[in-house]
Every structure is written in structure tokens, then in C-alpha cells.
Amino acid sequence: MKFGILINEGPFTHQASDTAYKFVVAALEKGHEVPRVFFYYDGVYNANKLSAPQADDRNVVKRWSDLAADKGVDLVVCIAAGLRRGIVEDNLMDGFRISGLGQLTEAAIGTDRLMMFGD
């Protein structure tokens, strides 16, 4: 099965990003495809390389970046939502890219299921 993923919540305020990450990892381990993860609304904070969690806390931003590098998952940040929240090319973590809502539409059309995490 091919899954598209939509994340609407930030990495440190809700469980949505952690749950989405674990879902993607589990799906890939089971042989499913996850061609794209789209970050929208506060979900764009998952791409902020300037975030600095405590040393004993998980680094959600780095986990997503590592997943893109290791598994080739396309991590797309909504340009409009990103600009409203100060997420621009200069502070984008490796593995993420900025694009428009057309990428979300493409993910919805080109996959068997679009899974949404967060409100």
C-alpha cells in the first residue's frame, strides 16, 4: 500500500508528529511505500533546524531529516504556512523542501491512503 502523510501539529506541543513518524517507520518496515510527508499549519515547525531540544529529549526535527536521508521520503513544507511561522529556506533542516499545496494534492491523488496527524 502507498501512504501519503499530512502533519498539522508542531513537534513539541502535541503527539501528532511522534505518532506520524512511528507510523511512517512501521509502514516502511512492513514494505509499504511512503513517498511524501506534507507539513502544514503548525506542522511546519517540524522542519526548523533552529529548534534545540534538551539533550535528554527526542530530536523530532533530526529524526525526520534522518528518515529522508535514509529512506528517500520526500518531506515537503507548505510555503504559505511556513512563511506565516518564520520557516524559510535559511532555517530549513536538511531533507526538507518548501513547496505549495499542489504537493499535498499530488500526494492525495497518487497514494492509496492519505493519513492526517493532528487537527
C-alpha atoms as a PDB file:
ATOM      1  CA  MET A   1       0.000   0.000   0.000  1.00  0.00           C
ATOM      2  CA  LYS A   2       1.122   3.542  -0.689  1.00  0.00           C
ATOM      3  CA  PHE A   3       0.559   6.150   2.057  1.00  0.00           C
ATOM      4  CA  GLY A   4       0.662   9.928   1.878  1.00  0.00           C
ATOM      5  CA  ILE A   5       1.151  11.661   5.224  1.00  0.00           C
ATOM      6  CA  LEU A   6      -0.150  15.060   6.352  1.00  0.00           C
ATOM      7  CA  ILE A   7       1.149  16.536   9.626  1.00  0.00           C
ATOM      8  CA  ASN A   8      -0.649  19.569  11.071  1.00  0.00           C
ATOM      9  CA  GLU A   9       0.942  19.866  14.537  1.00  0.00           C
ATOM     10  CA  GLY A  10       4.326  21.003  15.785  1.00  0.00           C
ATOM     11  CA  PRO A  11       6.935  18.595  17.127  1.00  0.00           C
ATOM     12  CA  PHE A  12       6.889  19.596  20.792  1.00  0.00           C
ATOM     13  CA  THR A  13       3.310  20.609  21.592  1.00  0.00           C
ATOM     14  CA  HIS A  14       1.342  17.530  20.519  1.00  0.00           C
ATOM     15  CA  GLN A  15       1.815  13.817  19.969  1.00  0.00           C
ATOM     16  CA  ALA A  16       0.898  14.028  16.262  1.00  0.00           C
ATOM     17  CA  SER A  17       4.419  14.312  14.870  1.00  0.00           C
ATOM     18  CA  ASP A  18       5.761  11.466  17.006  1.00  0.00           C
ATOM     19  CA  THR A  19       2.829   9.255  16.035  1.00  0.00           C
ATOM     20  CA  ALA A  20       3.230  10.113  12.345  1.00  0.00           C
ATOM     21  CA  TYR A  21       6.951   9.361  12.471  1.00  0.00           C
ATOM     22  CA  LYS A  22       6.380   5.989  14.129  1.00  0.00           C
ATOM     23  CA  PHE A  23       3.626   5.199  11.615  1.00  0.00           C
ATOM     24  CA  VAL A  24       5.912   6.007   8.669  1.00  0.00           C
ATOM     25  CA  VAL A  25       8.777   3.912  10.073  1.00  0.00           C
ATOM     26  CA  ALA A  26       6.444   0.962  10.741  1.00  0.00           C
ATOM     27  CA  ALA A  27       4.843   1.223   7.294  1.00  0.00           C
ATOM     28  CA  LEU A  28       8.236   1.251   5.575  1.00  0.00           C
ATOM     29  CA  GLU A  29       9.415  -1.713   7.653  1.00  0.00           C
ATOM     30  CA  LYS A  30       6.324  -3.659   6.533  1.00  0.00           C
ATOM     31  CA  GLY A  31       7.142  -2.969   2.876  1.00  0.00           C
ATOM     32  CA  HIS A  32       4.635  -0.191   2.251  1.00  0.00           C
ATOM     33  CA  GLU A  33       5.545   2.986   0.375  1.00  0.00           C
ATOM     34  CA  VAL A  34       5.514   6.496   1.857  1.00  0.00           C
ATOM     35  CA  PRO A  35       6.543   8.758  -0.988  1.00  0.00           C
ATOM     36  CA  ARG A  36       5.714  12.068   0.706  1.00  0.00           C
ATOM     37  CA  VAL A  37       5.132  13.669   4.096  1.00  0.00           C
ATOM     38  CA  PHE A  38       3.491  17.095   3.883  1.00  0.00           C
ATOM     39  CA  PHE A  39       3.832  19.540   6.781  1.00  0.00           C
ATOM     40  CA  TYR A  40       1.019  22.072   7.122  1.00  0.00           C
ATOM     41  CA  TYR A  41      -0.199  24.597   9.720  1.00  0.00           C
ATOM     42  CA  ASP A  42       1.985  24.276  12.864  1.00  0.00           C
ATOM     43  CA  GLY A  43       3.395  21.069  11.403  1.00  0.00           C
ATOM     44  CA  VAL A  44       5.911  23.233   9.542  1.00  0.00           C
ATOM     45  CA  TYR A  45       7.828  23.595  12.823  1.00  0.00           C
ATOM     46  CA  ASN A  46       8.983  20.003  12.290  1.00  0.00           C
ATOM     47  CA  ALA A  47      11.364  21.392   9.649  1.00  0.00           C
ATOM     48  CA  ASN A  48      13.014  24.120  11.753  1.00  0.00           C
ATOM     49  CA  LYS A  49      16.735  23.394  12.069  1.00  0.00           C
ATOM     50  CA  LEU A  50      16.979  26.101  14.745  1.00  0.00           C
ATOM     51  CA  SER A  51      14.985  24.051  17.245  1.00  0.00           C
ATOM     52  CA  ALA A  52      17.170  22.841  20.108  1.00  0.00           C
ATOM     53  CA  PRO A  53      15.532  20.236  22.336  1.00  0.00           C
ATOM     54  CA  GLN A  54      17.134  19.261  25.642  1.00  0.00           C
ATOM     55  CA  ALA A  55      19.905  16.685  25.418  1.00  0.00           C
ATOM     56  CA  ASP A  56      17.751  14.034  27.123  1.00  0.00           C
ATOM     57  CA  ASP A  57      14.721  14.693  24.876  1.00  0.00           C
ATOM     58  CA  ARG A  58      13.996  13.311  21.416  1.00  0.00           C
ATOM     59  CA  ASN A  59      15.029  15.461  18.462  1.00  0.00           C
ATOM     60  CA  VAL A  60      11.963  15.234  16.245  1.00  0.00           C
ATOM     61  CA  VAL A  61      13.371  17.507  13.540  1.00  0.00           C
ATOM     62  CA  LYS A  62      16.539  15.415  13.223  1.00  0.00           C
ATOM     63  CA  ARG A  63      14.541  12.173  13.133  1.00  0.00           C
ATOM     64  CA  TRP A  64      12.556  13.412  10.132  1.00  0.00           C
ATOM     65  CA  SER A  65      15.740  14.628   8.443  1.00  0.00           C
ATOM     66  CA  ASP A  66      17.439  11.261   9.005  1.00  0.00           C
ATOM     67  CA  LEU A  67      14.390   9.441   7.625  1.00  0.00           C
ATOM     68  CA  ALA A  68      14.557  11.489   4.431  1.00  0.00           C
ATOM     69  CA  ALA A  69      18.261  10.733   4.056  1.00  0.00           C
ATOM     70  CA  ASP A  70      17.950   7.016   4.859  1.00  0.00           C
ATOM     71  CA  LYS A  71      14.686   6.141   3.104  1.00  0.00           C
ATOM     72  CA  GLY A  72      14.275   8.845   0.464  1.00  0.00           C
ATOM     73  CA  VAL A  73      10.961  10.106   1.826  1.00  0.00           C
ATOM     74  CA  ASP A  74      10.019  13.480   0.327  1.00  0.00           C
ATOM     75  CA  LEU A  75       9.478  15.965   3.201  1.00  0.00           C
ATOM     76  CA  VAL A  76       7.500  18.956   1.944  1.00  0.00           C
ATOM     77  CA  VAL A  77       6.779  22.107   3.963  1.00  0.00           C
ATOM     78  CA  CYS A  78       3.821  24.262   2.890  1.00  0.00           C
ATOM     79  CA  ILE A  79       5.217  27.604   1.749  1.00  0.00           C
ATOM     80  CA  ALA A  80       2.260  29.706   2.962  1.00  0.00           C
ATOM     81  CA  ALA A  81       2.114  28.068   6.398  1.00  0.00           C
ATOM     82  CA  GLY A  82       5.905  28.201   6.669  1.00  0.00           C
ATOM     83  CA  LEU A  83       6.190  31.884   5.835  1.00  0.00           C
ATOM     84  CA  ARG A  84       3.497  32.754   8.398  1.00  0.00           C
ATOM     85  CA  ARG A  85       5.569  30.957  11.031  1.00  0.00           C
ATOM     86  CA  GLY A  86       9.042  32.114  10.003  1.00  0.00           C
ATOM     87  CA  ILE A  87      10.089  28.875   8.315  1.00  0.00           C
ATOM     88  CA  VAL A  88      12.150  29.809   5.253  1.00  0.00           C
ATOM     89  CA  GLU A  89      14.947  28.196   3.234  1.00  0.00           C
ATOM     90  CA  ASP A  90      17.590  29.616   5.602  1.00  0.00           C
ATOM     91  CA  ASN A  91      16.311  27.717   8.641  1.00  0.00           C
ATOM     92  CA  LEU A  92      15.069  24.572   6.902  1.00  0.00           C
ATOM     93  CA  MET A  93      16.578  21.305   8.166  1.00  0.00           C
ATOM     94  CA  ASP A  94      18.326  19.034   5.663  1.00  0.00           C
ATOM     95  CA  GLY A  95      15.931  16.731   3.835  1.00  0.00           C
ATOM     96  CA  PHE A  96      13.011  19.168   3.856  1.00  0.00           C
ATOM     97  CA  ARG A  97      11.916  21.343   0.969  1.00  0.00           C
ATOM     98  CA  ILE A  98       9.392  24.151   0.626  1.00  0.00           C
ATOM     99  CA  SER A  99       6.570  23.908  -1.894  1.00  0.00           C
ATOM    100  CA  GLY A 100       2.869  24.621  -2.317  1.00  0.00           C
ATOM    101  CA  LEU A 101      -0.402  22.853  -1.653  1.00  0.00           C
ATOM    102  CA  GLY A 102      -0.182  21.210  -5.069  1.00  0.00           C
ATOM    103  CA  GLN A 103       2.255  18.754  -3.482  1.00  0.00           C
ATOM    104  CA  LEU A 104      -0.404  17.788  -0.931  1.00  0.00           C
ATOM    105  CA  THR A 105      -2.958  17.314  -3.692  1.00  0.00           C
ATOM    106  CA  GLU A 106      -0.490  15.192  -5.621  1.00  0.00           C
ATOM    107  CA  ALA A 107       0.143  13.070  -2.523  1.00  0.00           C
ATOM    108  CA  ALA A 108      -3.593  12.550  -2.031  1.00  0.00           C
ATOM    109  CA  ILE A 109      -4.190  11.566  -5.647  1.00  0.00           C
ATOM    110  CA  GLY A 110      -1.070   9.435  -6.035  1.00  0.00           C
ATOM    111  CA  THR A 111      -1.463   7.261  -2.922  1.00  0.00           C
ATOM    112  CA  ASP A 112      -3.925   4.674  -1.667  1.00  0.00           C
ATOM    113  CA  ARG A 113      -4.461   6.492   1.623  1.00  0.00           C
ATOM    114  CA  LEU A 114      -3.748   9.990   2.903  1.00  0.00           C
ATOM    115  CA  MET A 115      -3.184   9.804   6.659  1.00  0.00           C
ATOM    116  CA  MET A 116      -3.648  13.023   8.649  1.00  0.00           C
ATOM    117  CA  PHE A 117      -1.941  13.555  12.003  1.00  0.00           C
ATOM    118  CA  GLY A 118      -3.120  16.496  14.140  1.00  0.00           C
ATOM    119  CA  ASP A 119      -6.143  18.755  13.920  1.00  0.00           C
END
